[in-house]
Full PDB file with SEQRES, HELIX, SHEET, SSBOND, CRYST1, ORIGX, SCALE, CONECT and MASTER records, all heavy atoms in Angstrom:
SEQRES   1 A   44  VAL LYS SER LEU VAL ILE ILE LEU ILE THR GLY GLY TRP          
SEQRES   2 A   44  ALA ALA ALA ALA ILE TRP ALA ALA VAL THR MET GLY GLU          
SEQRES   3 A   44  LEU PHE ILE LEU GLN ARG GLY LEU ILE GLY LEU THR GLY          
SEQRES   4 A   44  VAL LEU ALA ALA ILE                                          
HELIX    1 AA1 LYS A    2  THR A   23  1                                  22    
HELIX    2 AA2 ILE A   29  ALA A   43  1                                  15    
CRYST1    1.000    1.000    1.000  90.00  90.00  90.00 P 1           1          
ORIGX1      1.000000  0.000000  0.000000        0.00000                         
ORIGX2      0.000000  1.000000  0.000000        0.00000                         
ORIGX3      0.000000  0.000000  1.000000        0.00000                         
SCALE1      1.000000  0.000000  0.000000        0.00000                         
SCALE2      0.000000  1.000000  0.000000        0.00000                         
SCALE3      0.000000  0.000000  1.000000        0.00000                         
ATOM      1  N   VAL A   1      92.073 100.566  91.641  1.00  0.00           N  
ATOM      2  CA  VAL A   1      92.458 101.661  92.530  1.00  0.00           C  
ATOM      3  C   VAL A   1      91.217 102.268  93.168  1.00  0.00           C  
ATOM      4  O   VAL A   1      91.220 102.625  94.342  1.00  0.00           O  
ATOM      5  CB  VAL A   1      93.282 102.725  91.766  1.00  0.00           C  
ATOM      6  CG1 VAL A   1      93.625 103.901  92.662  1.00  0.00           C  
ATOM      7  CG2 VAL A   1      94.549 102.125  91.210  1.00  0.00           C  
ATOM      8  N   LYS A   2      90.120 102.351  92.395  1.00  0.00           N  
ATOM      9  CA  LYS A   2      88.858 102.845  92.969  1.00  0.00           C  
ATOM     10  C   LYS A   2      88.397 101.940  94.097  1.00  0.00           C  
ATOM     11  O   LYS A   2      87.977 102.409  95.163  1.00  0.00           O  
ATOM     12  CB  LYS A   2      87.794 102.913  91.882  1.00  0.00           C  
ATOM     13  CG  LYS A   2      86.455 103.403  92.373  1.00  0.00           C  
ATOM     14  CD  LYS A   2      85.409 103.392  91.277  1.00  0.00           C  
ATOM     15  CE  LYS A   2      84.043 103.729  91.828  1.00  0.00           C  
ATOM     16  NZ  LYS A   2      82.994 103.528  90.838  1.00  0.00           N  
ATOM     17  N   SER A   3      88.510 100.629  93.907  1.00  0.00           N  
ATOM     18  CA  SER A   3      88.134  99.693  94.960  1.00  0.00           C  
ATOM     19  C   SER A   3      89.044  99.848  96.175  1.00  0.00           C  
ATOM     20  O   SER A   3      88.573  99.788  97.322  1.00  0.00           O  
ATOM     21  CB  SER A   3      88.202  98.258  94.443  1.00  0.00           C  
ATOM     22  OG  SER A   3      87.237  98.068  93.427  1.00  0.00           O  
ATOM     23  N   LEU A   4      90.334 100.078  95.952  1.00  0.00           N  
ATOM     24  CA  LEU A   4      91.260 100.286  97.056  1.00  0.00           C  
ATOM     25  C   LEU A   4      90.913 101.535  97.843  1.00  0.00           C  
ATOM     26  O   LEU A   4      90.912 101.529  99.083  1.00  0.00           O  
ATOM     27  CB  LEU A   4      92.704 100.369  96.532  1.00  0.00           C  
ATOM     28  CG  LEU A   4      93.771 100.673  97.581  1.00  0.00           C  
ATOM     29  CD1 LEU A   4      93.877  99.522  98.575  1.00  0.00           C  
ATOM     30  CD2 LEU A   4      95.091 100.954  96.926  1.00  0.00           C  
ATOM     31  N   VAL A   5      90.562 102.606  97.149  1.00  0.00           N  
ATOM     32  CA  VAL A   5      90.188 103.854  97.828  1.00  0.00           C  
ATOM     33  C   VAL A   5      88.907 103.643  98.639  1.00  0.00           C  
ATOM     34  O   VAL A   5      88.807 104.094  99.793  1.00  0.00           O  
ATOM     35  CB  VAL A   5      90.007 104.987  96.801  1.00  0.00           C  
ATOM     36  CG1 VAL A   5      89.353 106.214  97.422  1.00  0.00           C  
ATOM     37  CG2 VAL A   5      91.353 105.379  96.208  1.00  0.00           C  
ATOM     38  N   ILE A   6      87.950 102.918  98.078  1.00  0.00           N  
ATOM     39  CA  ILE A   6      86.709 102.636  98.814  1.00  0.00           C  
ATOM     40  C   ILE A   6      87.001 101.825 100.063  1.00  0.00           C  
ATOM     41  O   ILE A   6      86.473 102.105 101.150  1.00  0.00           O  
ATOM     42  CB  ILE A   6      85.692 101.914  97.893  1.00  0.00           C  
ATOM     43  CG1 ILE A   6      85.153 102.881  96.849  1.00  0.00           C  
ATOM     44  CG2 ILE A   6      84.550 101.304  98.704  1.00  0.00           C  
ATOM     45  CD1 ILE A   6      84.308 102.242  95.779  1.00  0.00           C  
ATOM     46  N   ILE A   7      87.878 100.840  99.957  1.00  0.00           N  
ATOM     47  CA  ILE A   7      88.228 100.019 101.122  1.00  0.00           C  
ATOM     48  C   ILE A   7      88.952 100.842 102.167  1.00  0.00           C  
ATOM     49  O   ILE A   7      88.676 100.736 103.372  1.00  0.00           O  
ATOM     50  CB  ILE A   7      89.075  98.809 100.679  1.00  0.00           C  
ATOM     51  CG1 ILE A   7      88.202  97.835  99.881  1.00  0.00           C  
ATOM     52  CG2 ILE A   7      89.711  98.108 101.862  1.00  0.00           C  
ATOM     53  CD1 ILE A   7      88.980  96.745  99.191  1.00  0.00           C  
ATOM     54  N   LEU A   8      89.887 101.704 101.760  1.00  0.00           N  
ATOM     55  CA  LEU A   8      90.613 102.535 102.708  1.00  0.00           C  
ATOM     56  C   LEU A   8      89.695 103.502 103.448  1.00  0.00           C  
ATOM     57  O   LEU A   8      89.776 103.661 104.663  1.00  0.00           O  
ATOM     58  CB  LEU A   8      91.728 103.315 101.998  1.00  0.00           C  
ATOM     59  CG  LEU A   8      92.922 102.503 101.530  1.00  0.00           C  
ATOM     60  CD1 LEU A   8      93.873 103.377 100.728  1.00  0.00           C  
ATOM     61  CD2 LEU A   8      93.641 101.871 102.707  1.00  0.00           C  
ATOM     62  N   ILE A   9      88.807 104.162 102.709  1.00  0.00           N  
ATOM     63  CA  ILE A   9      87.905 105.136 103.336  1.00  0.00           C  
ATOM     64  C   ILE A   9      86.909 104.424 104.243  1.00  0.00           C  
ATOM     65  O   ILE A   9      86.666 104.856 105.378  1.00  0.00           O  
ATOM     66  CB  ILE A   9      87.201 105.983 102.259  1.00  0.00           C  
ATOM     67  CG1 ILE A   9      88.219 106.897 101.592  1.00  0.00           C  
ATOM     68  CG2 ILE A   9      86.047 106.785 102.862  1.00  0.00           C  
ATOM     69  CD1 ILE A   9      87.693 107.678 100.416  1.00  0.00           C  
ATOM     70  N   THR A  10      86.331 103.328 103.775  1.00  0.00           N  
ATOM     71  CA  THR A  10      85.354 102.610 104.582  1.00  0.00           C  
ATOM     72  C   THR A  10      86.017 101.980 105.805  1.00  0.00           C  
ATOM     73  O   THR A  10      85.463 102.006 106.911  1.00  0.00           O  
ATOM     74  CB  THR A  10      84.674 101.518 103.756  1.00  0.00           C  
ATOM     75  OG1 THR A  10      84.180 102.091 102.541  1.00  0.00           O  
ATOM     76  CG2 THR A  10      83.514 100.903 104.493  1.00  0.00           C  
ATOM     77  N   GLY A  11      87.214 101.437 105.642  1.00  0.00           N  
ATOM     78  CA  GLY A  11      87.938 100.871 106.774  1.00  0.00           C  
ATOM     79  C   GLY A  11      88.319 101.926 107.799  1.00  0.00           C  
ATOM     80  O   GLY A  11      88.240 101.701 109.004  1.00  0.00           O  
ATOM     81  N   GLY A  12      88.724 103.095 107.321  1.00  0.00           N  
ATOM     82  CA  GLY A  12      89.030 104.194 108.245  1.00  0.00           C  
ATOM     83  C   GLY A  12      87.816 104.664 109.005  1.00  0.00           C  
ATOM     84  O   GLY A  12      87.879 104.927 110.213  1.00  0.00           O  
ATOM     85  N   TRP A  13      86.694 104.751 108.288  1.00  0.00           N  
ATOM     86  CA  TRP A  13      85.445 105.136 108.949  1.00  0.00           C  
ATOM     87  C   TRP A  13      85.062 104.094 109.987  1.00  0.00           C  
ATOM     88  O   TRP A  13      84.622 104.435 111.103  1.00  0.00           O  
ATOM     89  CB  TRP A  13      84.321 105.316 107.943  1.00  0.00           C  
ATOM     90  CG  TRP A  13      82.993 105.396 108.589  1.00  0.00           C  
ATOM     91  CD1 TRP A  13      82.036 104.440 108.621  1.00  0.00           C  
ATOM     92  CD2 TRP A  13      82.492 106.482 109.378  1.00  0.00           C  
ATOM     93  NE1 TRP A  13      80.965 104.857 109.362  1.00  0.00           N  
ATOM     94  CE2 TRP A  13      81.217 106.110 109.837  1.00  0.00           C  
ATOM     95  CE3 TRP A  13      82.996 107.725 109.731  1.00  0.00           C  
ATOM     96  CZ2 TRP A  13      80.442 106.942 110.629  1.00  0.00           C  
ATOM     97  CZ3 TRP A  13      82.209 108.541 110.525  1.00  0.00           C  
ATOM     98  CH2 TRP A  13      80.967 108.156 110.962  1.00  0.00           C  
ATOM     99  N   ALA A  14      85.219 102.819 109.649  1.00  0.00           N  
ATOM    100  CA  ALA A  14      84.856 101.760 110.595  1.00  0.00           C  
ATOM    101  C   ALA A  14      85.712 101.835 111.848  1.00  0.00           C  
ATOM    102  O   ALA A  14      85.196 101.746 112.968  1.00  0.00           O  
ATOM    103  CB  ALA A  14      85.033 100.389 109.917  1.00  0.00           C  
ATOM    104  N   ALA A  15      87.007 102.024 111.674  1.00  0.00           N  
ATOM    105  CA  ALA A  15      87.898 102.120 112.834  1.00  0.00           C  
ATOM    106  C   ALA A  15      87.541 103.322 113.705  1.00  0.00           C  
ATOM    107  O   ALA A  15      87.503 103.221 114.940  1.00  0.00           O  
ATOM    108  CB  ALA A  15      89.348 102.200 112.372  1.00  0.00           C  
ATOM    109  N   ALA A  16      87.277 104.457 113.078  1.00  0.00           N  
ATOM    110  CA  ALA A  16      86.937 105.668 113.834  1.00  0.00           C  
ATOM    111  C   ALA A  16      85.609 105.511 114.572  1.00  0.00           C  
ATOM    112  O   ALA A  16      85.474 105.930 115.733  1.00  0.00           O  
ATOM    113  CB  ALA A  16      86.888 106.874 112.913  1.00  0.00           C  
ATOM    114  N   ALA A  17      84.621 104.917 113.918  1.00  0.00           N  
ATOM    115  CA  ALA A  17      83.315 104.753 114.551  1.00  0.00           C  
ATOM    116  C   ALA A  17      83.380 103.772 115.728  1.00  0.00           C  
ATOM    117  O   ALA A  17      82.804 104.018 116.784  1.00  0.00           O  
ATOM    118  CB  ALA A  17      82.290 104.276 113.527  1.00  0.00           C  
ATOM    119  N   ILE A  18      84.099 102.678 115.552  1.00  0.00           N  
ATOM    120  CA  ILE A  18      84.228 101.709 116.643  1.00  0.00           C  
ATOM    121  C   ILE A  18      85.005 102.329 117.801  1.00  0.00           C  
ATOM    122  O   ILE A  18      84.639 102.168 118.964  1.00  0.00           O  
ATOM    123  CB  ILE A  18      84.872 100.408 116.132  1.00  0.00           C  
ATOM    124  CG1 ILE A  18      83.901  99.696 115.182  1.00  0.00           C  
ATOM    125  CG2 ILE A  18      85.258  99.504 117.286  1.00  0.00           C  
ATOM    126  CD1 ILE A  18      84.500  98.527 114.436  1.00  0.00           C  
ATOM    127  N   TRP A  19      86.074 103.060 117.483  1.00  0.00           N  
ATOM    128  CA  TRP A  19      86.849 103.730 118.546  1.00  0.00           C  
ATOM    129  C   TRP A  19      85.981 104.732 119.288  1.00  0.00           C  
ATOM    130  O   TRP A  19      86.025 104.809 120.516  1.00  0.00           O  
ATOM    131  CB  TRP A  19      88.063 104.406 117.932  1.00  0.00           C  
ATOM    132  CG  TRP A  19      88.853 105.176 118.928  1.00  0.00           C  
ATOM    133  CD1 TRP A  19      89.758 104.684 119.823  1.00  0.00           C  
ATOM    134  CD2 TRP A  19      88.799 106.587 119.158  1.00  0.00           C  
ATOM    135  NE1 TRP A  19      90.274 105.705 120.584  1.00  0.00           N  
ATOM    136  CE2 TRP A  19      89.700 106.885 120.192  1.00  0.00           C  
ATOM    137  CE3 TRP A  19      88.075 107.623 118.573  1.00  0.00           C  
ATOM    138  CZ2 TRP A  19      89.880 108.177 120.661  1.00  0.00           C  
ATOM    139  CZ3 TRP A  19      88.272 108.917 119.039  1.00  0.00           C  
ATOM    140  CH2 TRP A  19      89.161 109.165 120.072  1.00  0.00           C  
ATOM    141  N   ALA A  20      85.180 105.500 118.570  1.00  0.00           N  
ATOM    142  CA  ALA A  20      84.317 106.487 119.212  1.00  0.00           C  
ATOM    143  C   ALA A  20      83.272 105.816 120.088  1.00  0.00           C  
ATOM    144  O   ALA A  20      82.976 106.286 121.199  1.00  0.00           O  
ATOM    145  CB  ALA A  20      83.626 107.354 118.155  1.00  0.00           C  
ATOM    146  N   ALA A  21      82.713 104.702 119.626  1.00  0.00           N  
ATOM    147  CA  ALA A  21      81.697 104.012 120.411  1.00  0.00           C  
ATOM    148  C   ALA A  21      82.282 103.432 121.699  1.00  0.00           C  
ATOM    149  O   ALA A  21      81.612 103.401 122.727  1.00  0.00           O  
ATOM    150  CB  ALA A  21      81.063 102.892 119.573  1.00  0.00           C  
ATOM    151  N   VAL A  22      83.538 103.011 121.642  1.00  0.00           N  
ATOM    152  CA  VAL A  22      84.158 102.412 122.815  1.00  0.00           C  
ATOM    153  C   VAL A  22      84.617 103.465 123.824  1.00  0.00           C  
ATOM    154  O   VAL A  22      84.466 103.299 125.023  1.00  0.00           O  
ATOM    155  CB  VAL A  22      85.326 101.498 122.379  1.00  0.00           C  
ATOM    156  CG1 VAL A  22      86.148 101.056 123.560  1.00  0.00           C  
ATOM    157  CG2 VAL A  22      84.812 100.299 121.615  1.00  0.00           C  
ATOM    158  N   THR A  23      85.150 104.581 123.345  1.00  0.00           N  
ATOM    159  CA  THR A  23      85.802 105.539 124.242  1.00  0.00           C  
ATOM    160  C   THR A  23      84.935 106.714 124.679  1.00  0.00           C  
ATOM    161  O   THR A  23      85.268 107.355 125.667  1.00  0.00           O  
ATOM    162  CB  THR A  23      87.071 106.109 123.584  1.00  0.00           C  
ATOM    163  OG1 THR A  23      86.710 106.785 122.379  1.00  0.00           O  
ATOM    164  CG2 THR A  23      88.059 105.007 123.301  1.00  0.00           C  
ATOM    165  N   MET A  24      83.862 107.006 123.996  1.00  0.00           N  
ATOM    166  CA  MET A  24      83.055 108.182 124.336  1.00  0.00           C  
ATOM    167  C   MET A  24      81.993 107.810 125.360  1.00  0.00           C  
ATOM    168  O   MET A  24      80.858 107.498 125.032  1.00  0.00           O  
ATOM    169  CB  MET A  24      82.414 108.792 123.091  1.00  0.00           C  
ATOM    170  CG  MET A  24      83.405 109.322 122.115  1.00  0.00           C  
ATOM    171  SD  MET A  24      82.583 110.089 120.729  1.00  0.00           S  
ATOM    172  CE  MET A  24      83.432 111.629 120.675  1.00  0.00           C  
ATOM    173  N   GLY A  25      82.357 107.887 126.628  1.00  0.00           N  
ATOM    174  CA  GLY A  25      81.469 107.496 127.698  1.00  0.00           C  
ATOM    175  C   GLY A  25      80.372 108.504 127.989  1.00  0.00           C  
ATOM    176  O   GLY A  25      79.388 108.183 128.644  1.00  0.00           O  
ATOM    177  N   GLU A  26      80.527 109.736 127.509  1.00  0.00           N  
ATOM    178  CA  GLU A  26      79.517 110.761 127.811  1.00  0.00           C  
ATOM    179  C   GLU A  26      78.275 110.671 126.918  1.00  0.00           C  
ATOM    180  O   GLU A  26      77.294 111.358 127.161  1.00  0.00           O  
ATOM    181  CB  GLU A  26      80.133 112.166 127.703  1.00  0.00           C  
ATOM    182  CG  GLU A  26      80.520 112.590 126.312  1.00  0.00           C  
ATOM    183  CD  GLU A  26      81.948 112.197 125.942  1.00  0.00           C  
ATOM    184  OE1 GLU A  26      82.615 111.520 126.732  1.00  0.00           O  
ATOM    185  OE2 GLU A  26      82.380 112.551 124.846  1.00  0.00           O  
ATOM    186  N   LEU A  27      78.309 109.827 125.900  1.00  0.00           N  
ATOM    187  CA  LEU A  27      77.142 109.656 125.040  1.00  0.00           C  
ATOM    188  C   LEU A  27      76.141 108.694 125.667  1.00  0.00           C  
ATOM    189  O   LEU A  27      76.502 107.844 126.488  1.00  0.00           O  
ATOM    190  CB  LEU A  27      77.577 109.124 123.675  1.00  0.00           C  
ATOM    191  CG  LEU A  27      78.454 110.029 122.819  1.00  0.00           C  
ATOM    192  CD1 LEU A  27      78.855 109.286 121.546  1.00  0.00           C  
ATOM    193  CD2 LEU A  27      77.762 111.323 122.494  1.00  0.00           C  
ATOM    194  N   PHE A  28      74.899 108.811 125.255  1.00  0.00           N  
ATOM    195  CA  PHE A  28      73.892 107.858 125.692  1.00  0.00           C  
ATOM    196  C   PHE A  28      74.209 106.483 125.114  1.00  0.00           C  
ATOM    197  O   PHE A  28      74.856 106.372 124.073  1.00  0.00           O  
ATOM    198  CB  PHE A  28      72.499 108.299 125.255  1.00  0.00           C  
ATOM    199  CG  PHE A  28      72.021 109.542 125.918  1.00  0.00           C  
ATOM    200  CD1 PHE A  28      71.805 110.701 125.190  1.00  0.00           C  
ATOM    201  CD2 PHE A  28      71.799 109.576 127.286  1.00  0.00           C  
ATOM    202  CE1 PHE A  28      71.372 111.858 125.794  1.00  0.00           C  
ATOM    203  CE2 PHE A  28      71.362 110.717 127.913  1.00  0.00           C  
ATOM    204  CZ  PHE A  28      71.150 111.869 127.172  1.00  0.00           C  
ATOM    205  N   ILE A  29      73.737 105.449 125.760  1.00  0.00           N  
ATOM    206  CA  ILE A  29      74.047 104.087 125.335  1.00  0.00           C  
ATOM    207  C   ILE A  29      73.489 103.798 123.945  1.00  0.00           C  
ATOM    208  O   ILE A  29      74.118 103.097 123.152  1.00  0.00           O  
ATOM    209  CB  ILE A  29      73.561 103.055 126.386  1.00  0.00           C  
ATOM    210  CG1 ILE A  29      74.126 101.669 126.081  1.00  0.00           C  
ATOM    211  CG2 ILE A  29      72.056 102.999 126.433  1.00  0.00           C  
ATOM    212  CD1 ILE A  29      75.593 101.566 126.307  1.00  0.00           C  
ATOM    213  N   LEU A  30      72.319 104.381 123.605  1.00  0.00           N  
ATOM    214  CA  LEU A  30      71.758 104.174 122.273  1.00  0.00           C  
ATOM    215  C   LEU A  30      72.667 104.817 121.214  1.00  0.00           C  
ATOM    216  O   LEU A  30      72.895 104.215 120.156  1.00  0.00           O  
ATOM    217  CB  LEU A  30      70.351 104.764 122.193  1.00  0.00           C  
ATOM    218  CG  LEU A  30      69.655 104.644 120.840  1.00  0.00           C  
ATOM    219  CD1 LEU A  30      69.444 103.173 120.483  1.00  0.00           C  
ATOM    220  CD2 LEU A  30      68.342 105.392 120.839  1.00  0.00           C  
ATOM    221  N   GLN A  31      73.168 106.013 121.498  1.00  0.00           N  
ATOM    222  CA  GLN A  31      74.070 106.670 120.554  1.00  0.00           C  
ATOM    223  C   GLN A  31      75.335 105.850 120.358  1.00  0.00           C  
ATOM    224  O   GLN A  31      75.793 105.660 119.235  1.00  0.00           O  
ATOM    225  CB  GLN A  31      74.431 108.067 121.043  1.00  0.00           C  
ATOM    226  CG  GLN A  31      73.291 109.052 120.993  1.00  0.00           C  
ATOM    227  CD  GLN A  31      73.665 110.368 121.648  1.00  0.00           C  
ATOM    228  OE1 GLN A  31      74.298 110.386 122.691  1.00  0.00           O  
ATOM    229  NE2 GLN A  31      73.249 111.456 121.028  1.00  0.00           N  
ATOM    230  N   ARG A  32      75.915 105.385 121.454  1.00  0.00           N  
ATOM    231  CA  ARG A  32      77.132 104.578 121.358  1.00  0.00           C  
ATOM    232  C   ARG A  32      76.852 103.287 120.592  1.00  0.00           C  
ATOM    233  O   ARG A  32      77.683 102.850 119.787  1.00  0.00           O  
ATOM    234  CB  ARG A  32      77.661 104.266 122.743  1.00  0.00           C  
ATOM    235  CG  ARG A  32      78.203 105.502 123.445  1.00  0.00           C  
ATOM    236  CD  ARG A  32      78.639 105.220 124.844  1.00  0.00           C  
ATOM    237  NE  ARG A  32      79.831 104.350 124.814  1.00  0.00           N  
ATOM    238  CZ  ARG A  32      80.353 103.818 125.897  1.00  0.00           C  
ATOM    239  NH1 ARG A  32      79.814 104.015 127.078  1.00  0.00           N  
ATOM    240  NH2 ARG A  32      81.434 103.067 125.804  1.00  0.00           N  
ATOM    241  N   GLY A  33      75.703 102.686 120.829  1.00  0.00           N  
ATOM    242  CA  GLY A  33      75.362 101.459 120.125  1.00  0.00           C  
ATOM    243  C   GLY A  33      75.193 101.673 118.634  1.00  0.00           C  
ATOM    244  O   GLY A  33      75.661 100.876 117.825  1.00  0.00           O  
ATOM    245  N   LEU A  34      74.520 102.750 118.253  1.00  0.00           N  
ATOM    246  CA  LEU A  34      74.315 103.022 116.827  1.00  0.00           C  
ATOM    247  C   LEU A  34      75.621 103.399 116.135  1.00  0.00           C  
ATOM    248  O   LEU A  34      75.858 102.989 114.995  1.00  0.00           O  
ATOM    249  CB  LEU A  34      73.268 104.124 116.649  1.00  0.00           C  
ATOM    250  CG  LEU A  34      71.847 103.724 117.040  1.00  0.00           C  
ATOM    251  CD1 LEU A  34      70.900 104.913 116.924  1.00  0.00           C  
ATOM    252  CD2 LEU A  34      71.354 102.567 116.189  1.00  0.00           C  
ATOM    253  N   ILE A  35      76.473 104.167 116.820  1.00  0.00           N  
ATOM    254  CA  ILE A  35      77.775 104.496 116.234  1.00  0.00           C  
ATOM    255  C   ILE A  35      78.603 103.222 116.070  1.00  0.00           C  
ATOM    256  O   ILE A  35      79.246 103.001 115.028  1.00  0.00           O  
ATOM    257  CB  ILE A  35      78.502 105.540 117.113  1.00  0.00           C  
ATOM    258  CG1 ILE A  35      77.807 106.889 117.016  1.00  0.00           C  
ATOM    259  CG2 ILE A  35      79.962 105.674 116.689  1.00  0.00           C  
ATOM    260  CD1 ILE A  35      78.321 107.918 117.993  1.00  0.00           C  
ATOM    261  N   GLY A  36      78.585 102.365 117.069  1.00  0.00           N  
ATOM    262  CA  GLY A  36      79.297 101.098 116.986  1.00  0.00           C  
ATOM    263  C   GLY A  36      78.744 100.209 115.878  1.00  0.00           C  
ATOM    264  O   GLY A  36      79.493  99.539 115.166  1.00  0.00           O  
ATOM    265  N   LEU A  37      77.426 100.212 115.718  1.00  0.00           N  
ATOM    266  CA  LEU A  37      76.798  99.413 114.669  1.00  0.00           C  
ATOM    267  C   LEU A  37      77.235  99.888 113.286  1.00  0.00           C  
ATOM    268  O   LEU A  37      77.538  99.073 112.406  1.00  0.00           O  
ATOM    269  CB  LEU A  37      75.270  99.465 114.800  1.00  0.00           C  
ATOM    270  CG  LEU A  37      74.479  98.697 113.742  1.00  0.00           C  
ATOM    271  CD1 LEU A  37      74.758  97.211 113.855  1.00  0.00           C  
ATOM    272  CD2 LEU A  37      72.997  98.993 113.888  1.00  0.00           C  
ATOM    273  N   THR A  38      77.262 101.204 113.075  1.00  0.00           N  
ATOM    274  CA  THR A  38      77.726 101.700 111.765  1.00  0.00           C  
ATOM    275  C   THR A  38      79.183 101.339 111.539  1.00  0.00           C  
ATOM    276  O   THR A  38      79.574 101.021 110.413  1.00  0.00           O  
ATOM    277  CB  THR A  38      77.546 103.227 111.646  1.00  0.00           C  
ATOM    278  OG1 THR A  38      78.300 103.879 112.658  1.00  0.00           O  
ATOM    279  CG2 THR A  38      76.099 103.620 111.724  1.00  0.00           C  
ATOM    280  N   GLY A  39      79.991 101.347 112.603  1.00  0.00           N  
ATOM    281  CA  GLY A  39      81.387 100.936 112.457  1.00  0.00           C  
ATOM    282  C   GLY A  39      81.521  99.469 112.083  1.00  0.00           C  
ATOM    283  O   GLY A  39      82.312  99.107 111.226  1.00  0.00           O  
ATOM    284  N   VAL A  40      80.734  98.631 112.727  1.00  0.00           N  
ATOM    285  CA  VAL A  40      80.789  97.192 112.419  1.00  0.00           C  
ATOM    286  C   VAL A  40      80.302  96.927 111.001  1.00  0.00           C  
ATOM    287  O   VAL A  40      80.917  96.149 110.253  1.00  0.00           O  
ATOM    288  CB  VAL A  40      79.967  96.396 113.453  1.00  0.00           C  
ATOM    289  CG1 VAL A  40      79.776  94.954 113.019  1.00  0.00           C  
ATOM    290  CG2 VAL A  40      80.634  96.457 114.818  1.00  0.00           C  
ATOM    291  N   LEU A  41      79.229  97.583 110.589  1.00  0.00           N  
ATOM    292  CA  LEU A  41      78.725  97.400 109.214  1.00  0.00           C  
ATOM    293  C   LEU A  41      79.726  97.908 108.186  1.00  0.00           C  
ATOM    294  O   LEU A  41      79.909  97.290 107.130  1.00  0.00           O  
ATOM    295  CB  LEU A  41      77.373  98.080 109.064  1.00  0.00           C  
ATOM    296  CG  LEU A  41      76.223  97.461 109.850  1.00  0.00           C  
ATOM    297  CD1 LEU A  41      74.960  98.292 109.697  1.00  0.00           C  
ATOM    298  CD2 LEU A  41      75.979  96.029 109.420  1.00  0.00           C  
ATOM    299  N   ALA A  42      80.376  99.041 108.464  1.00  0.00           N  
ATOM    300  CA  ALA A  42      81.389  99.546 107.547  1.00  0.00           C  
ATOM    301  C   ALA A  42      82.581  98.597 107.477  1.00  0.00           C  
ATOM    302  O   ALA A  42      83.156  98.380 106.401  1.00  0.00           O  
ATOM    303  CB  ALA A  42      81.852 100.938 107.986  1.00  0.00           C  
ATOM    304  N   ALA A  43      82.950  97.992 108.610  1.00  0.00           N  
ATOM    305  CA  ALA A  43      84.047  97.029 108.604  1.00  0.00           C  
ATOM    306  C   ALA A  43      83.688  95.790 107.790  1.00  0.00           C  
ATOM    307  O   ALA A  43      84.514  95.270 107.033  1.00  0.00           O  
ATOM    308  CB  ALA A  43      84.409  96.638 110.034  1.00  0.00           C  
ATOM    309  N   ILE A  44      82.459  95.323 107.918  1.00  0.00           N  
ATOM    310  CA  ILE A  44      82.000  94.173 107.132  1.00  0.00           C  
ATOM    311  C   ILE A  44      82.053  94.500 105.641  1.00  0.00           C  
ATOM    312  O   ILE A  44      82.518  93.685 104.836  1.00  0.00           O  
ATOM    313  CB  ILE A  44      80.589  93.749 107.570  1.00  0.00           C  
ATOM    314  CG1 ILE A  44      80.629  93.135 108.960  1.00  0.00           C  
ATOM    315  CG2 ILE A  44      79.975  92.768 106.567  1.00  0.00           C  
ATOM    316  CD1 ILE A  44      79.260  92.903 109.572  1.00  0.00           C  
TER     317      ILE A  44                                                      
MASTER        0    0    0    2    0    0    0    6  316    1    0    4          
END                                                                             
């Protein structure tokens, strides 16, 4: 159950970070890239 909770929280964070990197056009490209990178790493 602990592993399931870790997967759910990390997967939710990954989805939110990737969504933010894709949709937040007002951020600088470096910020969007780093947010997207954290999302991809969390998904992995």
